Each structure stands twice: as structure tokens, then as C-alpha cells.
């Protein structure tokens, strides 16, 4: 499984609906990754923190779009 970091500039260009969908997908990916970690099926344990950082990037881009 290859991981690619989300680019903040690209996130800001996306619409609110696209960001919501991306956030939903990342949260589901985080859940699945945590389950793999608990069942000892995950090779790259740093993947959990990388996904959490992606979620934070998405939320930051959403706040910037709203102007808060």
C-alpha cells in the first residue's frame, strides 16, 4: 500500500462537498488502519499518524474556505 501526502494547495482549491467526501473517506481509512494495527496486520505503523495529519489538513482547508 503506497501512501501519498495530501497537498494543502490542492485541498484549498476543492469545493466544500469534495472536502467533506474526502474527509469521510480518510476517517474510514483511519478506522480500517487502526483495525489492522490491532490485529497485527499492519506493516507500516506510521500510517496511522500520517492519515491523522491528512484529516487535520482537510479540516484546516475547510476552515480557511469558511473564513474562520
N, C-alpha and C. Protein backbone atom coordinates (compact mmCIF):
# COMPACT_ATOMS: atom_id res chain seq x y z
N UNK A 1 0.84 -1.18 0.00
CA UNK A 1 0.00 0.00 0.00
C UNK A 1 0.88 1.23 0.00
N UNK A 2 0.71 2.06 -0.99
CA UNK A 2 1.51 3.25 -1.12
C UNK A 2 0.76 4.46 -0.56
N UNK A 3 1.46 5.28 0.19
CA UNK A 3 0.84 6.45 0.80
C UNK A 3 1.36 7.70 0.13
N UNK A 4 0.44 8.61 -0.23
CA UNK A 4 0.83 9.90 -0.77
C UNK A 4 0.22 11.00 0.08
N UNK A 5 1.05 11.93 0.48
CA UNK A 5 0.63 13.04 1.34
C UNK A 5 -0.25 14.00 0.55
N UNK A 6 -1.28 14.51 1.21
CA UNK A 6 -2.17 15.47 0.57
C UNK A 6 -1.49 16.83 0.47
N UNK A 7 -1.69 17.50 -0.64
CA UNK A 7 -1.10 18.81 -0.86
C UNK A 7 -2.11 19.88 -0.41
N UNK A 8 -1.69 20.79 0.45
CA UNK A 8 -2.58 21.80 1.00
C UNK A 8 -3.12 22.72 -0.08
N UNK A 9 -2.30 23.11 -1.03
CA UNK A 9 -2.75 24.00 -2.11
C UNK A 9 -3.87 23.36 -2.92
N UNK A 10 -3.76 22.06 -3.16
CA UNK A 10 -4.81 21.36 -3.91
C UNK A 10 -6.09 21.25 -3.09
N UNK A 11 -5.95 21.09 -1.78
CA UNK A 11 -7.13 20.98 -0.92
C UNK A 11 -7.93 22.28 -0.90
N UNK A 12 -7.24 23.40 -0.87
CA UNK A 12 -7.92 24.70 -0.82
C UNK A 12 -8.71 24.95 -2.09
N UNK A 13 -8.25 24.41 -3.21
CA UNK A 13 -8.94 24.59 -4.49
C UNK A 13 -10.21 23.75 -4.61
N UNK A 14 -10.34 22.72 -3.79
CA UNK A 14 -11.51 21.84 -3.88
C UNK A 14 -12.74 22.50 -3.28
N UNK A 15 -13.91 22.04 -3.70
CA UNK A 15 -15.16 22.58 -3.17
C UNK A 15 -15.44 21.99 -1.79
N UNK A 16 -16.40 22.59 -1.09
CA UNK A 16 -16.77 22.14 0.25
C UNK A 16 -17.27 20.69 0.21
N UNK A 17 -18.06 20.35 -0.79
CA UNK A 17 -18.59 18.99 -0.91
C UNK A 17 -17.47 17.97 -1.15
N UNK A 18 -16.51 18.34 -1.98
CA UNK A 18 -15.37 17.44 -2.23
C UNK A 18 -14.56 17.23 -0.96
N UNK A 19 -14.38 18.29 -0.18
CA UNK A 19 -13.63 18.17 1.06
C UNK A 19 -14.37 17.30 2.06
N UNK A 20 -15.70 17.44 2.11
CA UNK A 20 -16.50 16.62 3.02
C UNK A 20 -16.35 15.13 2.66
N UNK A 21 -16.43 14.84 1.37
CA UNK A 21 -16.30 13.45 0.90
C UNK A 21 -14.91 12.91 1.19
N UNK A 22 -13.89 13.72 0.96
CA UNK A 22 -12.52 13.31 1.22
C UNK A 22 -12.30 13.07 2.71
N UNK A 23 -12.89 13.92 3.55
CA UNK A 23 -12.79 13.75 5.00
C UNK A 23 -13.45 12.45 5.44
N UNK A 24 -14.61 12.16 4.88
CA UNK A 24 -15.32 10.92 5.20
C UNK A 24 -14.47 9.71 4.82
N UNK A 25 -13.87 9.75 3.64
CA UNK A 25 -13.04 8.63 3.18
C UNK A 25 -11.80 8.45 4.05
N UNK A 26 -11.18 9.56 4.45
CA UNK A 26 -9.98 9.48 5.29
C UNK A 26 -10.32 8.94 6.68
N UNK A 27 -11.48 9.31 7.22
CA UNK A 27 -11.88 8.79 8.52
C UNK A 27 -12.12 7.29 8.45
N UNK A 28 -12.71 6.83 7.36
CA UNK A 28 -12.93 5.40 7.18
C UNK A 28 -11.60 4.68 7.01
N UNK A 29 -10.68 5.28 6.26
CA UNK A 29 -9.35 4.70 6.08
C UNK A 29 -8.62 4.62 7.42
N UNK A 30 -8.77 5.64 8.27
CA UNK A 30 -8.16 5.63 9.59
C UNK A 30 -8.72 4.50 10.44
N UNK A 31 -10.03 4.31 10.39
CA UNK A 31 -10.66 3.23 11.14
C UNK A 31 -10.12 1.87 10.70
N UNK A 32 -10.07 1.66 9.38
CA UNK A 32 -9.58 0.39 8.86
C UNK A 32 -8.11 0.16 9.22
N UNK A 33 -7.33 1.22 9.17
CA UNK A 33 -5.91 1.12 9.51
C UNK A 33 -5.72 0.78 10.97
N UNK A 34 -6.53 1.38 11.84
CA UNK A 34 -6.44 1.07 13.27
C UNK A 34 -6.83 -0.38 13.54
N UNK A 35 -7.83 -0.88 12.82
CA UNK A 35 -8.21 -2.28 13.00
C UNK A 35 -7.07 -3.20 12.57
N UNK A 36 -6.42 -2.87 11.46
CA UNK A 36 -5.28 -3.68 11.01
C UNK A 36 -4.15 -3.62 12.03
N UNK A 37 -3.96 -2.46 12.64
CA UNK A 37 -2.91 -2.31 13.65
C UNK A 37 -3.19 -3.21 14.86
N UNK A 38 -4.44 -3.23 15.30
CA UNK A 38 -4.81 -4.03 16.47
C UNK A 38 -4.75 -5.53 16.20
N UNK A 39 -5.00 -5.93 14.95
CA UNK A 39 -4.97 -7.35 14.62
C UNK A 39 -3.61 -7.78 14.07
N UNK A 40 -2.61 -6.90 14.22
CA UNK A 40 -1.24 -7.20 13.81
C UNK A 40 -1.10 -7.47 12.31
N UNK A 41 -1.91 -6.82 11.49
CA UNK A 41 -1.83 -7.00 10.04
C UNK A 41 -1.17 -5.81 9.35
N UNK A 42 -0.84 -4.78 10.11
CA UNK A 42 -0.29 -3.56 9.54
C UNK A 42 1.24 -3.58 9.60
N UNK A 43 1.87 -3.39 8.45
CA UNK A 43 3.32 -3.38 8.39
C UNK A 43 3.89 -2.01 8.75
N UNK A 44 3.30 -0.95 8.20
CA UNK A 44 3.78 0.42 8.40
C UNK A 44 2.95 1.09 9.50
N UNK A 45 3.45 1.08 10.72
CA UNK A 45 2.69 1.62 11.84
C UNK A 45 2.59 3.14 11.82
N UNK A 46 3.45 3.80 11.07
CA UNK A 46 3.39 5.26 10.98
C UNK A 46 2.23 5.73 10.11
N UNK A 47 1.57 4.81 9.45
CA UNK A 47 0.45 5.15 8.58
C UNK A 47 -0.70 5.79 9.36
N UNK A 48 -0.91 5.38 10.59
CA UNK A 48 -1.98 5.93 11.42
C UNK A 48 -1.77 7.43 11.62
N UNK A 49 -0.58 7.82 12.00
CA UNK A 49 -0.31 9.24 12.23
C UNK A 49 -0.34 10.04 10.93
N UNK A 50 0.07 9.43 9.83
CA UNK A 50 0.03 10.13 8.54
C UNK A 50 -1.41 10.43 8.13
N UNK A 51 -2.30 9.48 8.34
CA UNK A 51 -3.71 9.67 8.00
C UNK A 51 -4.33 10.73 8.91
N UNK A 52 -3.97 10.71 10.19
CA UNK A 52 -4.48 11.72 11.12
C UNK A 52 -4.06 13.12 10.69
N UNK A 53 -2.83 13.25 10.21
CA UNK A 53 -2.35 14.55 9.73
C UNK A 53 -3.09 14.99 8.48
N UNK A 54 -3.41 14.03 7.61
CA UNK A 54 -4.21 14.34 6.42
C UNK A 54 -5.58 14.86 6.82
N UNK A 55 -6.20 14.24 7.81
CA UNK A 55 -7.51 14.68 8.29
C UNK A 55 -7.41 16.11 8.81
N UNK A 56 -6.34 16.42 9.53
CA UNK A 56 -6.14 17.77 10.04
C UNK A 56 -5.96 18.76 8.89
N UNK A 57 -5.25 18.37 7.83
CA UNK A 57 -5.07 19.24 6.67
C UNK A 57 -6.42 19.54 5.99
N UNK A 58 -7.25 18.51 5.88
CA UNK A 58 -8.57 18.69 5.26
C UNK A 58 -9.41 19.64 6.10
N UNK A 59 -9.43 19.44 7.42
CA UNK A 59 -10.21 20.30 8.30
C UNK A 59 -9.71 21.74 8.25
N UNK A 60 -8.40 21.93 8.17
CA UNK A 60 -7.82 23.28 8.06
C UNK A 60 -8.26 23.95 6.77
N UNK A 61 -8.24 23.21 5.67
CA UNK A 61 -8.67 23.77 4.39
C UNK A 61 -10.15 24.14 4.43
N UNK A 62 -10.96 23.34 5.12
CA UNK A 62 -12.38 23.63 5.23
C UNK A 62 -12.59 24.92 6.05
N UNK A 63 -11.83 25.09 7.12
CA UNK A 63 -11.95 26.30 7.93
C UNK A 63 -11.50 27.53 7.15
N UNK A 64 -10.46 27.40 6.35
CA UNK A 64 -9.97 28.52 5.54
C UNK A 64 -11.01 28.93 4.51
N UNK A 65 -11.71 27.96 3.96
CA UNK A 65 -12.76 28.28 2.98
C UNK A 65 -13.90 29.06 3.62
N UNK A 66 -14.24 28.70 4.87
CA UNK A 66 -15.33 29.38 5.57
C UNK A 66 -14.90 30.76 6.05
N UNK A 67 -13.60 30.99 6.16
CA UNK A 67 -13.11 32.28 6.62
C UNK A 67 -12.99 32.39 8.12
N UNK A 68 -13.02 31.27 8.82
CA UNK A 68 -12.89 31.30 10.28
C UNK A 68 -11.48 31.00 10.70
